[in-house]
C-alpha atoms as a PDB file:
ATOM      1  CA  MET A   1     -29.193  -5.515  18.810  1.00  0.00           C
ATOM      2  CA  ALA A   2     -26.988  -7.245  16.254  1.00  0.00           C
ATOM      3  CA  LYS A   3     -23.259  -6.892  15.779  1.00  0.00           C
ATOM      4  CA  VAL A   4     -22.164  -6.906  12.137  1.00  0.00           C
ATOM      5  CA  VAL A   5     -18.477  -7.331  11.308  1.00  0.00           C
ATOM      6  CA  VAL A   6     -17.241  -6.358   7.851  1.00  0.00           C
ATOM      7  CA  LEU A   7     -13.839  -7.653   6.771  1.00  0.00           C
ATOM      8  CA  GLY A   8     -12.196  -5.368   4.246  1.00  0.00           C
ATOM      9  CA  ALA A   9     -12.693  -1.730   3.330  1.00  0.00           C
ATOM     10  CA  GLY A  10     -12.104  -1.780  -0.393  1.00  0.00           C
ATOM     11  CA  VAL A  11     -14.735  -1.529  -3.101  1.00  0.00           C
ATOM     12  CA  SER A  12     -16.832  -4.425  -1.749  1.00  0.00           C
ATOM     13  CA  GLY A  13     -16.255  -4.013   1.995  1.00  0.00           C
ATOM     14  CA  HIS A  14     -16.640  -0.249   2.049  1.00  0.00           C
ATOM     15  CA  THR A  15     -19.747  -0.403  -0.145  1.00  0.00           C
ATOM     16  CA  ALA A  16     -21.289  -3.019   2.155  1.00  0.00           C
ATOM     17  CA  THR A  17     -20.518  -0.837   5.171  1.00  0.00           C
ATOM     18  CA  SER A  18     -22.099   2.187   3.523  1.00  0.00           C
ATOM     19  CA  TYR A  19     -25.350   0.311   2.896  1.00  0.00           C
ATOM     20  CA  LEU A  20     -25.372  -1.188   6.397  1.00  0.00           C
ATOM     21  CA  GLN A  21     -24.840   2.214   7.998  1.00  0.00           C
ATOM     22  CA  LYS A  22     -27.612   3.688   5.877  1.00  0.00           C
ATOM     23  CA  HIS A  23     -30.256   1.017   6.431  1.00  0.00           C
ATOM     24  CA  LEU A  24     -29.582  -0.308   9.951  1.00  0.00           C
ATOM     25  CA  SER A  25     -30.858   1.550  13.000  1.00  0.00           C
ATOM     26  CA  LYS A  26     -28.521   2.961  15.634  1.00  0.00           C
ATOM     27  CA  ASP A  27     -29.339  -0.038  17.824  1.00  0.00           C
ATOM     28  CA  HIS A  28     -27.038  -2.208  15.716  1.00  0.00           C
ATOM     29  CA  GLU A  29     -23.242  -2.176  15.852  1.00  0.00           C
ATOM     30  CA  ILE A  30     -21.072  -2.156  12.741  1.00  0.00           C
ATOM     31  CA  ILE A  31     -17.381  -3.013  12.976  1.00  0.00           C
ATOM     32  CA  VAL A  32     -14.995  -2.771  10.036  1.00  0.00           C
ATOM     33  CA  VAL A  33     -11.709  -4.690  10.107  1.00  0.00           C
ATOM     34  CA  ALA A  34      -9.197  -3.772   7.409  1.00  0.00           C
ATOM     35  CA  PRO A  35      -5.379  -3.520   7.293  1.00  0.00           C
ATOM     36  CA  ASN A  36      -5.366  -0.385   5.138  1.00  0.00           C
ATOM     37  CA  ALA A  37      -5.750   3.073   6.641  1.00  0.00           C
ATOM     38  CA  ASN A  38      -7.047   4.499   3.362  1.00  0.00           C
ATOM     39  CA  TYR A  39      -9.808   3.725   0.920  1.00  0.00           C
ATOM     40  CA  GLN A  40      -8.661   3.767  -2.675  1.00  0.00           C
ATOM     41  CA  TRP A  41     -10.587   3.858  -5.918  1.00  0.00           C
ATOM     42  CA  ILE A  42      -8.692   1.015  -7.559  1.00  0.00           C
ATOM     43  CA  PRO A  43      -9.577   1.720 -11.229  1.00  0.00           C
ATOM     44  CA  SER A  44      -7.750   5.050 -10.969  1.00  0.00           C
ATOM     45  CA  ASN A  45      -4.469   3.270 -10.244  1.00  0.00           C
ATOM     46  CA  ILE A  46      -4.125   3.140 -14.029  1.00  0.00           C
ATOM     47  CA  TRP A  47      -3.961   6.941 -14.106  1.00  0.00           C
ATOM     48  CA  ILE A  48      -1.418   7.074 -11.285  1.00  0.00           C
ATOM     49  CA  GLY A  49       0.743   4.537 -13.107  1.00  0.00           C
ATOM     50  CA  ALA A  50       0.702   6.709 -16.225  1.00  0.00           C
ATOM     51  CA  GLY A  51       1.512   9.925 -14.356  1.00  0.00           C
ATOM     52  CA  ARG A  52      -1.878  11.510 -14.929  1.00  0.00           C
ATOM     53  CA  MET A  53      -3.104  11.481 -11.319  1.00  0.00           C
ATOM     54  CA  LYS A  54      -1.549  11.653  -7.850  1.00  0.00           C
ATOM     55  CA  ARG A  55      -2.251   9.170  -5.047  1.00  0.00           C
ATOM     56  CA  ASP A  56      -4.002  11.827  -2.930  1.00  0.00           C
ATOM     57  CA  GLN A  57      -6.603  12.190  -5.680  1.00  0.00           C
ATOM     58  CA  VAL A  58      -7.757   8.564  -5.385  1.00  0.00           C
ATOM     59  CA  ILE A  59      -7.602   7.849  -1.627  1.00  0.00           C
ATOM     60  CA  PHE A  60      -9.109   9.138   1.596  1.00  0.00           C
ATOM     61  CA  PRO A  61      -8.573   8.117   5.258  1.00  0.00           C
ATOM     62  CA  LEU A  62     -11.124   5.655   6.594  1.00  0.00           C
ATOM     63  CA  ALA A  63     -10.995   6.273  10.358  1.00  0.00           C
ATOM     64  CA  PRO A  64     -12.411   9.846  10.377  1.00  0.00           C
ATOM     65  CA  LEU A  65     -15.264   8.905   8.060  1.00  0.00           C
ATOM     66  CA  TYR A  66     -16.252   5.797  10.019  1.00  0.00           C
ATOM     67  CA  LYS A  67     -16.069   7.712  13.307  1.00  0.00           C
ATOM     68  CA  LYS A  68     -18.435  10.322  11.889  1.00  0.00           C
ATOM     69  CA  LYS A  69     -20.855   7.612  10.771  1.00  0.00           C
ATOM     70  CA  GLY A  70     -20.771   5.728  14.064  1.00  0.00           C
ATOM     71  CA  VAL A  71     -18.866   2.757  12.647  1.00  0.00           C
ATOM     72  CA  THR A  72     -16.060   1.151  14.666  1.00  0.00           C
ATOM     73  CA  PHE A  73     -12.874   0.817  12.621  1.00  0.00           C
ATOM     74  CA  LYS A  74     -10.074  -1.582  13.517  1.00  0.00           C
ATOM     75  CA  GLN A  75      -6.953  -1.323  11.371  1.00  0.00           C
ATOM     76  CA  ALA A  76      -6.094  -4.979  11.535  1.00  0.00           C
ATOM     77  CA  LYS A  77      -5.914  -8.172   9.525  1.00  0.00           C
ATOM     78  CA  ALA A  78      -8.079 -11.246  10.049  1.00  0.00           C
ATOM     79  CA  LEU A  79      -6.167 -14.345  11.109  1.00  0.00           C
ATOM     80  CA  THR A  80      -8.770 -17.054  11.747  1.00  0.00           C
ATOM     81  CA  PHE A  81     -12.520 -17.592  11.353  1.00  0.00           C
ATOM     82  CA  HIS A  82     -14.674 -19.415  13.885  1.00  0.00           C
ATOM     83  CA  PRO A  83     -18.251 -19.280  12.553  1.00  0.00           C
ATOM     84  CA  GLU A  84     -19.546 -21.799  15.125  1.00  0.00           C
ATOM     85  CA  GLY A  85     -17.756 -20.230  18.074  1.00  0.00           C
ATOM     86  CA  ASP A  86     -16.081 -22.576  20.538  1.00  0.00           C
ATOM     87  CA  ALA A  87     -16.270 -23.724  24.156  1.00  0.00           C
ATOM     88  CA  ASN A  88     -15.654 -20.180  25.362  1.00  0.00           C
ATOM     89  CA  HIS A  89     -17.728 -18.270  22.790  1.00  0.00           C
ATOM     90  CA  ASP A  90     -21.380 -18.838  21.975  1.00  0.00           C
ATOM     91  CA  LYS A  91     -21.202 -16.625  18.895  1.00  0.00           C
ATOM     92  CA  GLY A  92     -19.059 -16.808  15.812  1.00  0.00           C
ATOM     93  CA  TYR A  93     -15.878 -14.779  15.991  1.00  0.00           C
ATOM     94  CA  VAL A  94     -12.826 -13.661  14.087  1.00  0.00           C
ATOM     95  CA  THR A  95      -9.310 -13.456  15.462  1.00  0.00           C
ATOM     96  CA  ILE A  96      -7.620 -10.278  14.269  1.00  0.00           C
ATOM     97  CA  GLU A  97      -4.174  -8.714  14.600  1.00  0.00           C
ATOM     98  CA  TYR A  98      -3.626  -4.960  14.596  1.00  0.00           C
ATOM     99  CA  VAL A  99      -1.155  -3.703  11.999  1.00  0.00           C
ATOM    100  CA  ALA A 100      -0.641  -0.077  13.063  1.00  0.00           C
ATOM    101  CA  GLY A 101      -0.615   2.272  16.053  1.00  0.00           C
ATOM    102  CA  ASP A 102      -0.033   1.457  19.707  1.00  0.00           C
ATOM    103  CA  GLN A 103      -1.852  -1.867  19.324  1.00  0.00           C
ATOM    104  CA  LYS A 104       0.327  -3.085  16.446  1.00  0.00           C
ATOM    105  CA  GLY A 105       0.993  -6.813  16.781  1.00  0.00           C
ATOM    106  CA  GLN A 106      -1.720  -7.337  19.373  1.00  0.00           C
ATOM    107  CA  GLN A 107      -4.405  -9.918  18.712  1.00  0.00           C
ATOM    108  CA  GLU A 108      -8.085  -9.656  19.576  1.00  0.00           C
ATOM    109  CA  ILE A 109     -11.207 -11.782  19.327  1.00  0.00           C
ATOM    110  CA  VAL A 110     -14.129  -9.995  17.652  1.00  0.00           C
ATOM    111  CA  GLU A 111     -17.504 -11.689  18.018  1.00  0.00           C
ATOM    112  CA  TYR A 112     -20.301 -11.179  15.517  1.00  0.00           C
ATOM    113  CA  ASP A 113     -23.897 -11.984  14.728  1.00  0.00           C
ATOM    114  CA  PHE A 114     -23.362 -11.431  11.013  1.00  0.00           C
ATOM    115  CA  LEU A 115     -20.108 -11.456   9.046  1.00  0.00           C
ATOM    116  CA  VAL A 116     -19.493  -9.819   5.669  1.00  0.00           C
ATOM    117  CA  ASN A 117     -16.320 -11.011   3.956  1.00  0.00           C
ATOM    118  CA  GLY A 118     -15.212  -8.242   1.602  1.00  0.00           C
ATOM    119  CA  THR A 119     -11.475  -8.845   1.774  1.00  0.00           C
ATOM    120  CA  GLY A 120     -11.083  -8.974  -1.995  1.00  0.00           C
ATOM    121  CA  PRO A 121      -8.386 -10.754  -3.992  1.00  0.00           C
ATOM    122  CA  LYS A 122      -4.890 -11.854  -3.082  1.00  0.00           C
ATOM    123  CA  LEU A 123      -2.303 -10.676  -5.592  1.00  0.00           C
ATOM    124  CA  ASN A 124      -0.316 -13.864  -6.072  1.00  0.00           C
ATOM    125  CA  PHE A 125       2.840 -12.547  -7.737  1.00  0.00           C
ATOM    126  CA  GLU A 126       4.701 -15.580  -6.348  1.00  0.00           C
ATOM    127  CA  ALA A 127       2.783 -17.860  -8.727  1.00  0.00           C
ATOM    128  CA  THR A 128       5.067 -16.648 -11.538  1.00  0.00           C
ATOM    129  CA  GLU A 129       8.770 -17.100 -10.893  1.00  0.00           C
ATOM    130  CA  GLY A 130      10.557 -13.741 -10.805  1.00  0.00           C
ATOM    131  CA  LEU A 131       7.415 -11.610 -11.064  1.00  0.00           C
ATOM    132  CA  ARG A 132       7.586  -8.987  -8.335  1.00  0.00           C
ATOM    133  CA  PRO A 133       6.867  -5.249  -8.576  1.00  0.00           C
ATOM    134  CA  GLY A 134      10.114  -3.323  -8.635  1.00  0.00           C
ATOM    135  CA  HIS A 135      12.200  -6.310  -9.734  1.00  0.00           C
ATOM    136  CA  ASN A 136      13.397  -7.507 -13.135  1.00  0.00           C
ATOM    137  CA  ASN A 137      12.189  -4.255 -14.767  1.00  0.00           C
ATOM    138  CA  THR A 138       8.578  -5.119 -13.918  1.00  0.00           C
ATOM    139  CA  VAL A 139       5.954  -2.930 -12.254  1.00  0.00           C
ATOM    140  CA  SER A 140       2.347  -3.241 -11.125  1.00  0.00           C
ATOM    141  CA  VAL A 141      -0.729  -1.014 -10.951  1.00  0.00           C
ATOM    142  CA  CYS A 142      -2.639  -3.273  -8.564  1.00  0.00           C
ATOM    143  CA  SER A 143      -2.348  -0.805  -5.659  1.00  0.00           C
ATOM    144  CA  TYR A 144      -1.718   2.923  -5.447  1.00  0.00           C
ATOM    145  CA  THR A 145       1.758   2.343  -4.022  1.00  0.00           C
ATOM    146  CA  HIS A 146       2.560  -0.038  -6.876  1.00  0.00           C
ATOM    147  CA  ALA A 147       1.160   2.482  -9.355  1.00  0.00           C
ATOM    148  CA  GLU A 148       3.369   5.269  -7.967  1.00  0.00           C
ATOM    149  CA  GLU A 149       6.411   3.055  -8.472  1.00  0.00           C
ATOM    150  CA  ALA A 150       5.200   2.237 -11.986  1.00  0.00           C
ATOM    151  CA  TRP A 151       5.028   5.904 -12.958  1.00  0.00           C
ATOM    152  CA  SER A 152       8.450   6.595 -11.406  1.00  0.00           C
ATOM    153  CA  PHE A 153      10.020   3.845 -13.519  1.00  0.00           C
ATOM    154  CA  LEU A 154       8.026   4.776 -16.630  1.00  0.00           C
ATOM    155  CA  HIS A 155       9.183   8.375 -16.269  1.00  0.00           C
ATOM    156  CA  GLU A 156      12.811   7.197 -16.108  1.00  0.00           C
ATOM    157  CA  VAL A 157      12.382   5.105 -19.250  1.00  0.00           C
ATOM    158  CA  ILE A 158      10.763   8.019 -21.093  1.00  0.00           C
ATOM    159  CA  GLN A 159      13.699  10.270 -20.200  1.00  0.00           C
ATOM    160  CA  GLU A 160      16.085   7.731 -21.734  1.00  0.00           C
ATOM    161  CA  MET A 161      13.952   7.593 -24.869  1.00  0.00           C
ATOM    162  CA  LYS A 162      14.268  11.358 -25.175  1.00  0.00           C
ATOM    163  CA  LYS A 163      18.012  10.770 -25.518  1.00  0.00           C
ATOM    164  CA  GLY A 164      17.392   8.472 -28.473  1.00  0.00           C
ATOM    165  CA  VAL A 165      17.489   5.139 -26.632  1.00  0.00           C
ATOM    166  CA  LYS A 166      14.972   2.610 -27.966  1.00  0.00           C
ATOM    167  CA  LYS A 167      12.837   0.771 -25.433  1.00  0.00           C
ATOM    168  CA  THR A 168      10.501  -2.233 -25.466  1.00  0.00           C
ATOM    169  CA  PHE A 169       7.314  -2.135 -23.406  1.00  0.00           C
ATOM    170  CA  LEU A 170       5.597  -5.414 -22.527  1.00  0.00           C
ATOM    171  CA  ILE A 171       2.175  -5.128 -20.910  1.00  0.00           C
ATOM    172  CA  GLY A 172      -0.514  -7.741 -20.258  1.00  0.00           C
ATOM    173  CA  THR A 173      -0.994 -10.839 -18.099  1.00  0.00           C
ATOM    174  CA  GLY A 174       1.804 -12.440 -16.116  1.00  0.00           C
ATOM    175  CA  HIS A 175       0.447 -15.944 -15.533  1.00  0.00           C
ATOM    176  CA  PRO A 176      -1.420 -18.542 -17.625  1.00  0.00           C
ATOM    177  CA  THR A 177      -4.500 -18.160 -15.380  1.00  0.00           C
ATOM    178  CA  ALA A 178      -4.246 -14.417 -14.660  1.00  0.00           C
ATOM    179  CA  THR A 179      -7.439 -12.394 -15.000  1.00  0.00           C
ATOM    180  CA  CYS A 180      -8.190  -8.647 -15.060  1.00  0.00           C
ATOM    181  CA  GLN A 181      -7.050  -8.325 -18.664  1.00  0.00           C
ATOM    182  CA  GLY A 182      -9.122  -5.146 -18.901  1.00  0.00           C
ATOM    183  CA  ALA A 183      -6.878  -3.284 -16.457  1.00  0.00           C
ATOM    184  CA  ALA A 184      -3.767  -4.247 -18.426  1.00  0.00           C
ATOM    185  CA  PHE A 185      -5.511  -3.240 -21.670  1.00  0.00           C
ATOM    186  CA  GLU A 186      -6.342   0.179 -20.250  1.00  0.00           C
ATOM    187  CA  TYR A 187      -2.797   0.621 -19.008  1.00  0.00           C
ATOM    188  CA  ILE A 188      -1.117  -0.250 -22.303  1.00  0.00           C
ATOM    189  CA  LEU A 189      -3.267   2.328 -24.073  1.00  0.00           C
ATOM    190  CA  ASN A 190      -2.320   4.975 -21.505  1.00  0.00           C
ATOM    191  CA  VAL A 191       1.383   4.152 -21.783  1.00  0.00           C
ATOM    192  CA  ASP A 192       1.170   4.249 -25.572  1.00  0.00           C
ATOM    193  CA  TYR A 193      -0.599   7.618 -25.359  1.00  0.00           C
ATOM    194  CA  GLU A 194       2.117   9.065 -23.112  1.00  0.00           C
ATOM    195  CA  ILE A 195       4.796   7.882 -25.549  1.00  0.00           C
ATOM    196  CA  LYS A 196       3.071   9.318 -28.618  1.00  0.00           C
ATOM    197  CA  LYS A 197       2.175  12.556 -26.815  1.00  0.00           C
ATOM    198  CA  ARG A 198       5.891  13.186 -26.447  1.00  0.00           C
ATOM    199  CA  GLY A 199       6.644  12.240 -30.054  1.00  0.00           C
ATOM    200  CA  LEU A 200       8.717   9.240 -28.998  1.00  0.00           C
ATOM    201  CA  GLU A 201       6.949   6.490 -30.935  1.00  0.00           C
ATOM    202  CA  ASP A 202      10.022   5.889 -33.144  1.00  0.00           C
ATOM    203  CA  PHE A 203      11.923   4.847 -30.031  1.00  0.00           C
ATOM    204  CA  ALA A 204       9.274   2.513 -28.634  1.00  0.00           C
ATOM    205  CA  GLU A 205       8.212  -1.049 -29.300  1.00  0.00           C
ATOM    206  CA  VAL A 206       4.905  -1.570 -27.492  1.00  0.00           C
ATOM    207  CA  VAL A 207       3.805  -5.193 -27.097  1.00  0.00           C
ATOM    208  CA  TRP A 208       0.642  -6.707 -25.612  1.00  0.00           C
ATOM    209  CA  ILE A 209       1.012 -10.204 -24.136  1.00  0.00           C
ATOM    210  CA  SER A 210      -2.074 -12.036 -22.940  1.00  0.00           C
ATOM    211  CA  ASN A 211      -3.522 -15.437 -22.140  1.00  0.00           C
ATOM    212  CA  GLU A 212      -6.682 -14.436 -24.060  1.00  0.00           C
ATOM    213  CA  TYR A 213      -7.659 -16.800 -26.847  1.00  0.00           C
ATOM    214  CA  GLU A 214      -8.367 -13.792 -29.073  1.00  0.00           C
ATOM    215  CA  LEU A 215      -7.704 -10.091 -28.690  1.00  0.00           C
ATOM    216  CA  GLY A 216     -10.616  -8.380 -27.000  1.00  0.00           C
ATOM    217  CA  ASP A 217     -11.568 -11.563 -25.186  1.00  0.00           C
ATOM    218  CA  PHE A 218     -10.902  -9.933 -21.780  1.00  0.00           C
ATOM    219  CA  GLY A 219     -11.323 -13.319 -20.127  1.00  0.00           C
ATOM    220  CA  MET A 220     -15.054 -13.468 -20.838  1.00  0.00           C
ATOM    221  CA  GLY A 221     -15.273 -14.552 -24.463  1.00  0.00           C
ATOM    222  CA  GLY A 222     -15.414 -11.003 -25.768  1.00  0.00           C
ATOM    223  CA  ALA A 223     -18.319  -8.641 -26.208  1.00  0.00           C
ATOM    224  CA  PHE A 224     -19.998  -6.524 -28.874  1.00  0.00           C
ATOM    225  CA  ILE A 225     -19.996  -2.768 -29.349  1.00  0.00           C
ATOM    226  CA  LYS A 226     -22.935  -0.992 -30.966  1.00  0.00           C
ATOM    227  CA  ASN A 227     -22.191   2.416 -32.442  1.00  0.00           C
ATOM    228  CA  SER A 228     -24.078   4.389 -35.112  1.00  0.00           C
ATOM    229  CA  GLY A 229     -26.123   1.326 -36.019  1.00  0.00           C
ATOM    230  CA  PHE A 230     -23.092  -0.927 -36.498  1.00  0.00           C
ATOM    231  CA  ILE A 231     -22.253  -3.864 -34.229  1.00  0.00           C
ATOM    232  CA  THR A 232     -18.566  -4.739 -33.879  1.00  0.00           C
ATOM    233  CA  SER A 233     -16.973  -7.530 -31.841  1.00  0.00           C
ATOM    234  CA  THR A 234     -14.322  -6.522 -29.328  1.00  0.00           C
ATOM    235  CA  LYS A 235     -11.944  -8.829 -31.233  1.00  0.00           C
ATOM    236  CA  VAL A 236     -12.232  -6.742 -34.404  1.00  0.00           C
ATOM    237  CA  PHE A 237     -12.238  -3.513 -32.407  1.00  0.00           C
ATOM    238  CA  THR A 238      -9.079  -4.391 -30.447  1.00  0.00           C
ATOM    239  CA  GLU A 239      -7.195  -5.719 -33.461  1.00  0.00           C
ATOM    240  CA  SER A 240      -8.029  -2.570 -35.419  1.00  0.00           C
ATOM    241  CA  TYR A 241      -7.129  -0.328 -32.481  1.00  0.00           C
ATOM    242  CA  PHE A 242      -3.745  -1.995 -31.993  1.00  0.00           C
ATOM    243  CA  GLN A 243      -3.048  -2.013 -35.712  1.00  0.00           C
ATOM    244  CA  GLU A 244      -3.722   1.709 -36.025  1.00  0.00           C
ATOM    245  CA  ARG A 245      -1.377   2.471 -33.138  1.00  0.00           C
ATOM    246  CA  ASN A 246       1.337  -0.001 -34.137  1.00  0.00           C
ATOM    247  CA  ILE A 247       0.929  -2.019 -30.951  1.00  0.00           C
ATOM    248  CA  GLN A 248       2.110  -5.584 -31.447  1.00  0.00           C
ATOM    249  CA  TRP A 249       0.418  -8.498 -29.728  1.00  0.00           C
ATOM    250  CA  ILE A 250       1.093 -11.980 -28.411  1.00  0.00           C
ATOM    251  CA  LYS A 251      -2.038 -13.949 -27.550  1.00  0.00           C
ATOM    252  CA  ARG A 252      -2.792 -17.400 -26.083  1.00  0.00           C
ATOM    253  CA  ALA A 253       0.387 -16.961 -24.008  1.00  0.00           C
ATOM    254  CA  GLY A 254       1.019 -18.028 -20.437  1.00  0.00           C
ATOM    255  CA  VAL A 255       3.990 -16.321 -18.780  1.00  0.00           C
ATOM    256  CA  LYS A 256       5.935 -18.889 -16.753  1.00  0.00           C
ATOM    257  CA  LYS A 257       9.045 -17.022 -15.627  1.00  0.00           C
ATOM    258  CA  VAL A 258      10.459 -13.493 -15.500  1.00  0.00           C
ATOM    259  CA  GLU A 259      14.136 -12.610 -15.468  1.00  0.00           C
ATOM    260  CA  ASP A 260      15.834  -9.229 -15.680  1.00  0.00           C
ATOM    261  CA  GLY A 261      14.362  -7.834 -18.888  1.00  0.00           C
ATOM    262  CA  LYS A 262      13.082 -11.167 -20.231  1.00  0.00           C
ATOM    263  CA  VAL A 263       9.928 -13.276 -19.968  1.00  0.00           C
ATOM    264  CA  TYR A 264       9.544 -16.961 -20.696  1.00  0.00           C
ATOM    265  CA  TYR A 265       6.112 -17.974 -21.907  1.00  0.00           C
ATOM    266  CA  GLU A 266       4.301 -20.914 -23.436  1.00  0.00           C
ATOM    267  CA  THR A 267       1.640 -20.561 -26.095  1.00  0.00           C
ATOM    268  CA  LEU A 268      -1.487 -22.674 -26.291  1.00  0.00           C
ATOM    269  CA  ASP A 269       0.080 -24.892 -28.962  1.00  0.00           C
ATOM    270  CA  GLY A 270       2.717 -25.991 -26.430  1.00  0.00           C
ATOM    271  CA  LYS A 271       5.619 -23.997 -27.858  1.00  0.00           C
ATOM    272  CA  GLU A 272       8.093 -22.208 -25.566  1.00  0.00           C
ATOM    273  CA  HIS A 273       9.127 -18.614 -26.302  1.00  0.00           C
ATOM    274  CA  THR A 274      11.008 -15.683 -24.796  1.00  0.00           C
ATOM    275  CA  LYS A 275      10.555 -11.948 -25.127  1.00  0.00           C
ATOM    276  CA  GLU A 276      12.972  -9.258 -24.002  1.00  0.00           C
ATOM    277  CA  PHE A 277      11.753  -5.932 -22.631  1.00  0.00           C
ATOM    278  CA  ASP A 278      12.863  -2.780 -20.861  1.00  0.00           C
ATOM    279  CA  PHE A 279       9.589  -2.037 -19.069  1.00  0.00           C
ATOM    280  CA  ALA A 280       6.861  -4.527 -18.191  1.00  0.00           C
ATOM    281  CA  MET A 281       3.546  -4.381 -16.352  1.00  0.00           C
ATOM    282  CA  LEU A 282       2.141  -7.883 -16.008  1.00  0.00           C
ATOM    283  CA  ILE A 283      -1.050  -8.656 -14.076  1.00  0.00           C
ATOM    284  CA  PRO A 284      -0.391 -11.481 -11.569  1.00  0.00           C
ATOM    285  CA  ARG A 285      -2.536 -14.471 -10.798  1.00  0.00           C
ATOM    286  CA  ILE A 286      -5.311 -13.493  -8.405  1.00  0.00           C
ATOM    287  CA  PHE A 287      -6.913 -15.535  -5.640  1.00  0.00           C
ATOM    288  CA  ARG A 288     -10.462 -14.669  -4.595  1.00  0.00           C
ATOM    289  CA  SER A 289     -11.028 -14.960  -0.861  1.00  0.00           C
ATOM    290  CA  ARG A 290     -13.744 -17.215   0.468  1.00  0.00           C
ATOM    291  CA  VAL A 291     -15.023 -18.055   3.952  1.00  0.00           C
END
């Protein structure tokens, strides 16, 4: 019998667990270690942040599902890895610390025969000075709790616009090396839609700021769209899309600092700039975990 430990229960960790549970016999043990009590479908955070979905529509509790499937679930975070074991352990092991329930704060050693690291990215907001969700008029859609806060603030801003107050929206990447431009792109289009749906476009300045070399780059050099026999680059598509909707853009820009209602950024030509805003959603730098 083998003991398989899966770290993380997000898209990668939960998917790995599902395949393991399906293909391994009952003789093997599967243990999932994750700090979150709920699974969330992360792409739908965009919809929560625009007020089009509720959190309960994109999450479900992990413990009941894993219990039903015969998977052991430990709501804890991994502290240290010991793939070679040590003097007291012949097998590799992970030191974990429980984050909820009666065991909160307690540490435990979990041995394994096989380890799957599906912990996902670290959202490194600290890499950009002043960039924190809920501070300096900035929000995030990187988690469902962040996205709920984003919609709450967006709703407040929209109510002020209804009174005739003009607002500037700045959406994009919040660090020179930030990725996940696609999520920010989807969010700016949703925010713009919500503004226009309410007939408030005359009171809104919507601005895209990105470290992309060209619009539609999405951090991968762009792509091509084939439709009705025509092939269009995502650069042309995005420029046209923004132009039609009166969305302004700042490209080749690395955000260095965020203050209350103002960003400081440097463009690829070495020039320093600032941009004021009333509402901003800026994707932070992301670290990918490795063992």
